[in-house]
């Protein structure tokens, strides 16, 4: 991928978006609170809805998050539904945050930004 040659990842790189979603869900798990979908919405993350749907579908299909169902239309995820009681990071998602090299770069990039995501990364010690 192109980002491997760059020093910094863009705020809309896949791994940065995925890291923001996963760190938020991990924070919710540790705090014992139900995640608020709006905090990790496409608008809040500064990306378009189609991209957000793909990221969410990929995280779910990879087993990093649970509680999501969706249909596919011409290969694109549609009709995403989140079950608030089942929507959470999985053990595989936590391991992915800690062990994946691209995810580590994304977390470093996030920690340079200000806002909720940077605070969550610091809170989790990632």
Protein backbone atom coordinates (compact mmCIF):
# COMPACT_ATOMS: atom_id res chain seq x y z
CA UNK A 1 0.00 0.00 0.00
CA UNK A 2 1.07 3.55 -0.68
CA UNK A 3 1.14 4.70 2.96
CA UNK A 4 4.12 2.49 3.84
CA UNK A 5 6.49 4.93 2.16
CA UNK A 6 5.03 7.99 3.90
CA UNK A 7 6.01 9.26 7.31
CA UNK A 8 2.47 10.18 8.34
CA UNK A 9 -0.90 8.69 7.53
CA UNK A 10 -3.75 10.90 6.38
CA UNK A 11 -6.74 11.30 8.68
CA UNK A 12 -8.87 9.37 6.16
CA UNK A 13 -6.51 6.41 5.58
CA UNK A 14 -8.24 3.07 6.11
CA UNK A 15 -6.09 2.11 9.08
CA UNK A 16 -6.60 5.48 10.79
CA UNK A 17 -10.38 5.18 10.41
CA UNK A 18 -10.33 1.54 11.56
CA UNK A 19 -8.12 2.43 14.53
CA UNK A 20 -10.49 5.22 15.58
CA UNK A 21 -13.45 2.86 15.47
CA UNK A 22 -11.66 0.05 17.30
CA UNK A 23 -10.13 2.29 19.98
CA UNK A 24 -13.53 3.86 20.65
CA UNK A 25 -15.15 0.43 21.01
CA UNK A 26 -12.30 -0.77 23.22
CA UNK A 27 -12.71 2.30 25.42
CA UNK A 28 -16.45 1.62 25.73
CA UNK A 29 -15.74 -1.98 26.71
CA UNK A 30 -13.28 -0.92 29.40
CA UNK A 31 -15.70 1.70 30.74
CA UNK A 32 -18.67 -0.68 30.61
CA UNK A 33 -20.78 1.61 28.42
CA UNK A 34 -22.81 0.98 25.29
CA UNK A 35 -21.12 2.54 22.23
CA UNK A 36 -22.80 5.53 20.62
CA UNK A 37 -22.87 4.95 16.85
CA UNK A 38 -22.87 8.71 16.22
CA UNK A 39 -19.37 9.09 17.72
CA UNK A 40 -17.96 6.85 14.99
CA UNK A 41 -20.32 7.90 12.19
CA UNK A 42 -19.09 8.83 8.73
CA UNK A 43 -19.74 12.50 9.47
CA UNK A 44 -17.79 12.43 12.74
CA UNK A 45 -14.90 10.60 11.08
CA UNK A 46 -14.90 13.04 8.15
CA UNK A 47 -15.45 10.42 5.46
CA UNK A 48 -18.23 9.57 3.01
CA UNK A 49 -20.93 7.06 3.90
CA UNK A 50 -19.88 4.46 1.30
CA UNK A 51 -16.32 4.39 2.64
CA UNK A 52 -17.62 4.12 6.22
CA UNK A 53 -19.85 1.19 5.27
CA UNK A 54 -16.89 -0.61 3.70
CA UNK A 55 -14.70 -0.08 6.76
CA UNK A 56 -17.43 -1.29 9.11
CA UNK A 57 -18.16 -4.32 6.91
CA UNK A 58 -14.44 -5.18 6.69
CA UNK A 59 -13.99 -4.91 10.46
CA UNK A 60 -17.01 -7.15 10.99
CA UNK A 61 -16.03 -9.68 8.32
CA UNK A 62 -12.51 -9.86 9.78
CA UNK A 63 -13.95 -10.65 13.20
CA UNK A 64 -12.65 -7.44 14.83
CA UNK A 65 -16.12 -6.15 15.79
CA UNK A 66 -19.45 -7.84 16.46
CA UNK A 67 -23.09 -6.80 16.40
CA UNK A 68 -23.29 -5.72 12.77
CA UNK A 69 -25.43 -7.09 9.96
CA UNK A 70 -25.63 -5.83 6.41
CA UNK A 71 -26.60 -6.86 2.92
CA UNK A 72 -24.54 -6.53 -0.24
CA UNK A 73 -25.68 -4.90 -3.44
CA UNK A 74 -23.34 -5.22 -6.41
CA UNK A 75 -20.51 -6.01 -4.01
CA UNK A 76 -21.13 -2.97 -1.80
CA UNK A 77 -22.42 -3.21 1.78
CA UNK A 78 -25.88 -1.73 2.23
CA UNK A 79 -28.50 -1.58 4.95
CA UNK A 80 -26.02 -1.74 7.80
CA UNK A 81 -27.69 -2.44 11.12
CA UNK A 82 -26.03 -2.25 14.48
CA UNK A 83 -27.38 -4.18 17.45
CA UNK A 84 -26.52 -1.84 20.35
CA UNK A 85 -26.27 -4.69 22.84
CA UNK A 86 -23.92 -6.76 20.67
CA UNK A 87 -21.90 -3.92 19.07
CA UNK A 88 -18.39 -4.22 20.49
CA UNK A 89 -14.77 -4.91 19.80
CA UNK A 90 -13.78 -8.58 19.90
CA UNK A 91 -10.65 -10.16 21.36
CA UNK A 92 -9.33 -10.40 17.79
CA UNK A 93 -9.95 -6.65 17.40
CA UNK A 94 -8.01 -5.89 20.57
CA UNK A 95 -5.13 -8.08 19.38
CA UNK A 96 -5.26 -6.34 15.98
CA UNK A 97 -4.89 -2.95 17.68
CA UNK A 98 -1.89 -4.13 19.67
CA UNK A 99 -0.05 -6.34 17.20
CA UNK A 100 -0.63 -5.13 13.61
CA UNK A 101 2.15 -2.89 12.27
CA UNK A 102 -0.14 -0.73 10.12
CA UNK A 103 -2.51 -0.31 13.06
CA UNK A 104 0.41 0.82 15.26
CA UNK A 105 1.30 3.47 12.66
CA UNK A 106 -2.34 4.57 12.60
CA UNK A 107 -2.42 4.86 16.39
CA UNK A 108 0.74 6.98 16.29
CA UNK A 109 -0.90 9.23 13.69
CA UNK A 110 -4.07 9.52 15.78
CA UNK A 111 -2.10 10.44 18.89
CA UNK A 112 -0.73 13.46 16.98
CA UNK A 113 -4.25 14.74 16.26
CA UNK A 114 -6.35 16.49 18.82
CA UNK A 115 -9.84 15.47 19.81
CA UNK A 116 -11.68 12.46 21.14
CA UNK A 117 -9.69 9.84 19.22
CA UNK A 118 -6.34 11.11 20.50
CA UNK A 119 -7.69 11.16 24.05
CA UNK A 120 -8.95 7.59 23.73
CA UNK A 121 -5.57 6.37 22.44
CA UNK A 122 -3.90 7.99 25.45
CA UNK A 123 -6.54 6.59 27.85
CA UNK A 124 -5.97 3.07 26.54
CA UNK A 125 -2.20 3.41 26.54
CA UNK A 126 -1.93 2.26 22.93
